Protein backbone atom coordinates (compact mmCIF):
# COMPACT_ATOMS: atom_id res chain seq x y z
CA MET A 1 -0.26 -0.10 -24.35
CA ASN A 2 -2.71 1.81 -22.13
CA THR A 3 -1.87 2.22 -18.47
CA LEU A 4 -4.16 3.77 -15.89
CA SER A 5 -2.73 6.08 -13.30
CA PHE A 6 -4.70 7.25 -10.30
CA THR A 7 -3.65 10.24 -8.24
CA ALA A 8 -5.10 11.77 -5.07
CA THR A 9 -4.01 14.86 -3.15
CA LEU A 10 -4.64 15.28 0.58
CA SER A 11 -3.66 17.89 3.16
CA SER A 12 -2.42 16.90 6.60
CA PRO A 13 -3.41 18.74 9.80
CA PHE A 14 0.19 20.05 9.89
CA GLY A 15 -0.17 21.84 6.55
CA HIS A 16 1.68 19.33 4.37
CA GLU A 17 0.16 18.49 1.03
CA TYR A 18 0.59 14.85 0.01
CA THR A 19 0.10 13.53 -3.50
CA PHE A 20 -0.40 9.78 -3.86
CA THR A 21 0.03 8.12 -7.25
CA HIS A 22 -0.89 4.48 -7.84
CA VAL A 23 2.21 2.68 -9.15
CA GLY A 24 0.79 -0.81 -9.56
CA ILE A 25 -0.43 -4.04 -8.03
CA SER A 26 1.68 -7.18 -7.89
CA GLN A 27 0.90 -10.68 -6.75
CA TYR A 28 3.25 -13.40 -5.58
CA ASP A 29 3.57 -16.50 -3.39
CA GLN A 30 5.40 -16.59 -0.09
CA LEU A 31 5.73 -19.36 2.46
CA ASN A 32 2.21 -20.20 3.70
CA ARG A 33 0.53 -17.23 2.01
CA PHE A 34 -0.42 -15.59 -1.26
CA VAL A 35 0.17 -11.83 -1.43
CA TYR A 36 -1.39 -8.98 -3.40
CA ALA A 37 0.68 -5.81 -2.98
CA ALA A 38 -0.40 -2.28 -3.93
CA SER A 39 2.36 0.31 -4.36
CA ILE A 40 1.79 4.05 -4.05
CA GLU A 41 4.33 6.77 -4.86
CA VAL A 42 4.21 9.53 -2.25
CA ASN A 43 5.08 13.18 -2.84
CA LYS A 44 5.16 15.54 0.13
CA ALA A 45 5.02 19.28 -0.56
CA GLY A 46 5.93 18.66 -4.21
CA ARG A 47 9.01 16.51 -3.46
CA ARG A 48 9.24 12.76 -3.94
CA ASP A 49 8.99 11.00 -0.58
CA GLY A 50 9.33 7.39 -1.76
CA VAL A 51 7.07 4.44 -2.45
CA MET A 52 4.81 2.81 0.13
CA THR A 53 3.48 -0.72 -0.34
CA SER A 54 0.50 -2.22 1.47
CA GLU A 55 -0.33 -5.93 1.23
CA MET A 56 -3.44 -8.09 1.26
CA ARG A 57 -2.35 -11.52 2.53
CA GLN A 58 -4.25 -14.78 2.10
CA TYR A 59 -2.78 -17.38 4.43
CA LEU A 60 -2.84 -21.02 3.34
CA ASP A 61 -3.01 -24.28 5.29
CA SER A 62 -0.70 -27.27 4.76
CA MET A 63 -2.87 -28.42 1.83
CA GLY A 64 -2.60 -25.03 0.11
CA GLN A 65 -6.20 -24.07 0.91
CA PRO A 66 -7.12 -20.57 2.16
CA THR A 67 -7.53 -20.16 5.91
CA PHE A 68 -9.87 -17.48 7.28
CA GLN A 69 -10.35 -14.17 5.50
CA PRO A 70 -7.47 -12.26 3.88
CA SER A 71 -5.62 -9.89 6.21
CA THR A 72 -4.24 -6.47 5.36
CA GLU A 73 -0.74 -5.26 6.18
CA PRO A 74 -0.64 -1.44 6.06
CA ALA A 75 2.34 0.56 4.85
CA ILE A 76 3.42 2.87 7.70
CA ARG A 77 5.81 5.79 7.61
CA SER A 78 6.43 7.31 11.04
CA GLY A 79 7.69 10.82 11.56
CA LEU A 80 8.32 13.13 14.47
CA LEU A 81 5.11 15.14 13.92
CA GLU A 82 2.88 12.79 11.94
CA ASP A 83 2.51 9.23 10.74
CA LEU A 84 1.36 8.23 7.28
CA TYR A 85 -0.60 5.02 6.71
CA VAL A 86 -1.57 3.46 3.39
CA VAL A 87 -4.04 0.56 3.44
CA PHE A 88 -4.86 -1.74 0.50
CA ALA A 89 -8.63 -2.05 0.85
CA GLY A 90 -9.99 -4.33 -1.80
């Protein structure tokens, strides 16, 4: 089985180097919405810093039909010096 893994490395203004590795995309139903979720493993300065998950949500009406455009729920990790946001964009 072939699996694709995407990795990106970025430096913060505070000198931290972050490495983001795509873990996967899942999809599931919740009450009044359908969700696509993208998970990213985060490494900060070479150490694992956990997994962040951002969602693309399609809300549904009482007939199960989509309402409006999908909305995005960012994954946010707040720290004393900096915040880290991951957004599922498409």
